[in-house]
C-alpha atoms as a PDB file:
ATOM      1  CA  MET A   1     114.929  89.267 110.600  1.00  0.00           C
ATOM      2  CA  GLU A   2     112.065  90.527 112.746  1.00  0.00           C
ATOM      3  CA  ARG A   3     110.473  93.859 111.872  1.00  0.00           C
ATOM      4  CA  LEU A   4     109.525  94.430 115.510  1.00  0.00           C
ATOM      5  CA  LYS A   5     111.428  92.927 118.401  1.00  0.00           C
ATOM      6  CA  ALA A   6     109.729  92.038 121.672  1.00  0.00           C
ATOM      7  CA  GLU A   7     111.844  94.575 123.570  1.00  0.00           C
ATOM      8  CA  GLN A   8     110.487  97.385 121.362  1.00  0.00           C
ATOM      9  CA  ILE A   9     106.959  96.738 122.594  1.00  0.00           C
ATOM     10  CA  PRO A  10     106.223  98.435 125.915  1.00  0.00           C
ATOM     11  CA  THR A  11     104.618  96.366 128.634  1.00  0.00           C
ATOM     12  CA  VAL A  12     101.607  97.597 130.548  1.00  0.00           C
ATOM     13  CA  GLY A  13     100.053  96.631 133.864  1.00  0.00           C
ATOM     14  CA  LEU A  14      97.505  94.164 132.473  1.00  0.00           C
ATOM     15  CA  ASP A  15      98.488  90.687 131.315  1.00  0.00           C
ATOM     16  CA  PHE A  16      95.728  90.315 128.711  1.00  0.00           C
ATOM     17  CA  MET A  17      96.892  93.499 127.010  1.00  0.00           C
ATOM     18  CA  ASN A  18     100.528  92.369 126.979  1.00  0.00           C
ATOM     19  CA  HIS A  19      99.518  89.001 125.548  1.00  0.00           C
ATOM     20  CA  ASP A  20      97.441  90.633 122.806  1.00  0.00           C
ATOM     21  CA  HIS A  21     100.248  93.076 121.997  1.00  0.00           C
ATOM     22  CA  ALA A  22     102.709  90.184 121.685  1.00  0.00           C
ATOM     23  CA  GLU A  23     100.340  88.439 119.272  1.00  0.00           C
ATOM     24  CA  ALA A  24      99.951  91.638 117.213  1.00  0.00           C
ATOM     25  CA  THR A  25     103.742  91.921 117.074  1.00  0.00           C
ATOM     26  CA  GLN A  26     103.987  88.359 115.763  1.00  0.00           C
ATOM     27  CA  GLN A  27     101.386  89.130 113.109  1.00  0.00           C
ATOM     28  CA  ILE A  28     103.269  92.251 112.005  1.00  0.00           C
ATOM     29  CA  ASN A  29     106.492  90.266 111.768  1.00  0.00           C
ATOM     30  CA  MET A  30     104.756  87.561 109.742  1.00  0.00           C
ATOM     31  CA  LEU A  31     103.291  90.173 107.399  1.00  0.00           C
ATOM     32  CA  ASP A  32     106.721  91.730 106.925  1.00  0.00           C
ATOM     33  CA  GLN A  33     108.197  88.304 106.181  1.00  0.00           C
ATOM     34  CA  LEU A  34     105.463  87.533 103.641  1.00  0.00           C
ATOM     35  CA  ILE A  35     105.964  90.911 101.951  1.00  0.00           C
ATOM     36  CA  GLN A  36     109.722  90.383 101.700  1.00  0.00           C
ATOM     37  CA  GLN A  37     109.306  86.861 100.336  1.00  0.00           C
ATOM     38  CA  SER A  38     106.690  88.078  97.846  1.00  0.00           C
ATOM     39  CA  LEU A  39     108.938  90.907  96.682  1.00  0.00           C
ATOM     40  CA  ALA A  40     111.573  88.223  96.038  1.00  0.00           C
ATOM     41  CA  GLY A  41     109.103  86.427  93.754  1.00  0.00           C
ATOM     42  CA  ASP A  42     107.512  83.863  96.097  1.00  0.00           C
ATOM     43  CA  THR A  43     103.898  83.656  94.891  1.00  0.00           C
ATOM     44  CA  ASP A  44     102.899  81.246  97.689  1.00  0.00           C
ATOM     45  CA  SER A  45     103.817  83.894 100.256  1.00  0.00           C
ATOM     46  CA  GLN A  46     101.795  86.510  98.415  1.00  0.00           C
ATOM     47  CA  LYS A  47      98.701  84.266  98.605  1.00  0.00           C
ATOM     48  CA  LYS A  48      99.031  84.214 102.422  1.00  0.00           C
ATOM     49  CA  ILE A  49      98.885  88.003 102.807  1.00  0.00           C
ATOM     50  CA  GLU A  50      95.117  88.492 102.491  1.00  0.00           C
ATOM     51  CA  PRO A  51      94.211  85.846 105.118  1.00  0.00           C
ATOM     52  CA  LEU A  52      96.801  87.347 107.455  1.00  0.00           C
ATOM     53  CA  LEU A  53      95.410  90.869 106.981  1.00  0.00           C
ATOM     54  CA  ILE A  54      91.946  89.523 107.811  1.00  0.00           C
ATOM     55  CA  ASN A  55      93.338  87.791 110.889  1.00  0.00           C
ATOM     56  CA  MET A  56      95.097  91.003 111.948  1.00  0.00           C
ATOM     57  CA  TYR A  57      91.825  92.917 111.665  1.00  0.00           C
ATOM     58  CA  GLU A  58      89.912  90.297 113.658  1.00  0.00           C
ATOM     59  CA  HIS A  59      92.604  90.168 116.338  1.00  0.00           C
ATOM     60  CA  SER A  60      92.618  93.960 116.626  1.00  0.00           C
ATOM     61  CA  GLU A  61      88.830  94.107 116.821  1.00  0.00           C
ATOM     62  CA  ALA A  62      88.736  91.482 119.602  1.00  0.00           C
ATOM     63  CA  HIS A  63      91.598  93.123 121.494  1.00  0.00           C
ATOM     64  CA  PHE A  64      89.975  96.546 121.302  1.00  0.00           C
ATOM     65  CA  ALA A  65      86.661  95.073 122.499  1.00  0.00           C
ATOM     66  CA  ARG A  66      88.402  93.539 125.547  1.00  0.00           C
ATOM     67  CA  GLU A  67      90.101  96.850 126.358  1.00  0.00           C
ATOM     68  CA  GLU A  68      86.893  98.804 125.911  1.00  0.00           C
ATOM     69  CA  ALA A  69      84.909  96.420 128.133  1.00  0.00           C
ATOM     70  CA  GLU A  70      87.478  96.980 130.869  1.00  0.00           C
ATOM     71  CA  MET A  71      87.339 100.756 130.370  1.00  0.00           C
ATOM     72  CA  VAL A  72      83.540 100.706 130.683  1.00  0.00           C
ATOM     73  CA  ARG A  73      83.724  98.446 133.751  1.00  0.00           C
ATOM     74  CA  VAL A  74      85.926 100.930 135.637  1.00  0.00           C
ATOM     75  CA  ASN A  75      84.341 104.077 134.154  1.00  0.00           C
ATOM     76  CA  PHE A  76      87.640 105.160 132.576  1.00  0.00           C
ATOM     77  CA  PRO A  77      87.486 108.944 132.005  1.00  0.00           C
ATOM     78  CA  ALA A  78      89.255 108.877 128.609  1.00  0.00           C
ATOM     79  CA  TYR A  79      87.113 106.064 127.220  1.00  0.00           C
ATOM     80  CA  GLY A  80      85.767 108.144 124.343  1.00  0.00           C
ATOM     81  CA  CYS A  81      89.185 109.263 123.131  1.00  0.00           C
ATOM     82  CA  HIS A  82      90.663 105.769 123.407  1.00  0.00           C
ATOM     83  CA  SER A  83      87.733 104.005 121.752  1.00  0.00           C
ATOM     84  CA  ASP A  84      87.673 106.615 118.963  1.00  0.00           C
ATOM     85  CA  GLU A  85      91.288 105.742 118.214  1.00  0.00           C
ATOM     86  CA  HIS A  86      90.357 102.066 118.061  1.00  0.00           C
ATOM     87  CA  ARG A  87      87.577 102.855 115.550  1.00  0.00           C
ATOM     88  CA  ARG A  88      89.995 104.913 113.460  1.00  0.00           C
ATOM     89  CA  VAL A  89      92.548 102.094 113.322  1.00  0.00           C
ATOM     90  CA  LEU A  90      89.926  99.483 112.441  1.00  0.00           C
ATOM     91  CA  ALA A  91      88.743 101.708 109.587  1.00  0.00           C
ATOM     92  CA  GLU A  92      92.349 102.105 108.464  1.00  0.00           C
ATOM     93  CA  LEU A  93      92.913  98.334 108.548  1.00  0.00           C
ATOM     94  CA  THR A  94      89.730  97.864 106.508  1.00  0.00           C
ATOM     95  CA  GLN A  95      91.029 100.319 103.932  1.00  0.00           C
ATOM     96  CA  VAL A  96      94.432  98.581 103.808  1.00  0.00           C
ATOM     97  CA  LEU A  97      92.729  95.216 103.235  1.00  0.00           C
ATOM     98  CA  GLN A  98      90.500  96.637 100.504  1.00  0.00           C
ATOM     99  CA  GLN A  99      93.474  98.257  98.772  1.00  0.00           C
ATOM    100  CA  TRP A 100      95.317  94.955  98.917  1.00  0.00           C
ATOM    101  CA  GLN A 101      92.325  93.086  97.484  1.00  0.00           C
ATOM    102  CA  GLN A 102      92.086  95.585  94.623  1.00  0.00           C
ATOM    103  CA  SER A 103      95.748  96.008  93.705  1.00  0.00           C
ATOM    104  CA  SER A 104      97.970  93.492  95.535  1.00  0.00           C
ATOM    105  CA  ASP A 105     100.476  96.344  95.713  1.00  0.00           C
ATOM    106  CA  LEU A 106     103.344  94.974  97.796  1.00  0.00           C
ATOM    107  CA  GLN A 107     105.157  98.289  98.002  1.00  0.00           C
ATOM    108  CA  GLN A 108     102.057 100.112  99.226  1.00  0.00           C
ATOM    109  CA  LEU A 109     101.547  97.457 101.898  1.00  0.00           C
ATOM    110  CA  ALA A 110     105.222  97.584 102.897  1.00  0.00           C
ATOM    111  CA  ASN A 111     104.997 101.378 103.200  1.00  0.00           C
ATOM    112  CA  TYR A 112     101.942 101.081 105.459  1.00  0.00           C
ATOM    113  CA  LEU A 113     103.777  98.633 107.669  1.00  0.00           C
ATOM    114  CA  ASP A 114     106.980 100.711 107.804  1.00  0.00           C
ATOM    115  CA  LYS A 115     105.581 104.214 107.979  1.00  0.00           C
ATOM    116  CA  THR A 116     102.329 103.744 109.867  1.00  0.00           C
ATOM    117  CA  LEU A 117     101.483 100.510 111.656  1.00  0.00           C
ATOM    118  CA  CYS A 118     104.689  99.734 113.548  1.00  0.00           C
ATOM    119  CA  SER A 119     105.164 103.232 114.944  1.00  0.00           C
ATOM    120  CA  TRP A 120     101.444 103.537 115.732  1.00  0.00           C
ATOM    121  CA  LEU A 121     101.469 100.304 117.746  1.00  0.00           C
ATOM    122  CA  ILE A 122     104.449 101.334 119.874  1.00  0.00           C
ATOM    123  CA  ASN A 123     103.069 104.847 120.395  1.00  0.00           C
ATOM    124  CA  HIS A 124      99.550 103.640 121.226  1.00  0.00           C
ATOM    125  CA  ILE A 125     100.817 101.158 123.795  1.00  0.00           C
ATOM    126  CA  SER A 126     103.201 103.720 125.307  1.00  0.00           C
ATOM    127  CA  THR A 127     100.494 106.319 125.705  1.00  0.00           C
ATOM    128  CA  MET A 128      96.837 105.296 125.674  1.00  0.00           C
ATOM    129  CA  ASP A 129      97.225 101.658 126.687  1.00  0.00           C
ATOM    130  CA  SER A 130      99.749 102.422 129.404  1.00  0.00           C
ATOM    131  CA  VAL A 131      97.490 105.020 131.036  1.00  0.00           C
ATOM    132  CA  THR A 132      94.431 102.801 130.642  1.00  0.00           C
ATOM    133  CA  ALA A 133      96.138  99.790 132.228  1.00  0.00           C
ATOM    134  CA  MET A 134      97.442 101.923 135.089  1.00  0.00           C
ATOM    135  CA  PHE A 135      93.970 103.313 135.783  1.00  0.00           C
ATOM    136  CA  ILE A 136      92.324  99.886 135.682  1.00  0.00           C
ATOM    137  CA  GLY A 137      95.027  98.453 137.954  1.00  0.00           C
ATOM    138  CA  ARG A 138      94.481 101.185 140.539  1.00  0.00           C
ATOM    139  CA  ILE A 139      90.700 100.745 140.503  1.00  0.00           C
ATOM    140  CA  ASP A 140      91.047  96.972 140.902  1.00  0.00           C
ATOM    141  CA  GLN A 141      93.538  97.342 143.782  1.00  0.00           C
ATOM    142  CA  SER A 142      91.335  99.802 145.642  1.00  0.00           C
ATOM    143  CA  ALA A 143      88.334  97.487 145.253  1.00  0.00           C
ATOM    144  CA  ALA A 144      90.210  94.487 146.658  1.00  0.00           C
END
């Protein structure tokens, strides 16, 4: 069973953002699957969690960099607020990875996924990313 379904993830007016959000959704679903399998005693699944958390961080960092480059290109007025949120989430992901490396606490990781990451992703896309994509789309249309 998927933790996040594609229809739960809002779409925005920029294809690269939608593609990156779909990839993040797949990573979240894979992490949830690995957690569930590990909780059921599958040690091979547990060994795959750390590399996936690293991949999730790297994907997020690259995605945020693409978004921020676009915001700078069009002089997006809320750049500071949006980029600050990106920095906050990257710091949070770093902390989650470090906690995992120290304790391998499956329940703590599951709680982060359930109570924080999934709702943050949907909310962030619905608010900040949606407005950002709309602004960039309007600037690009007026320049054409």
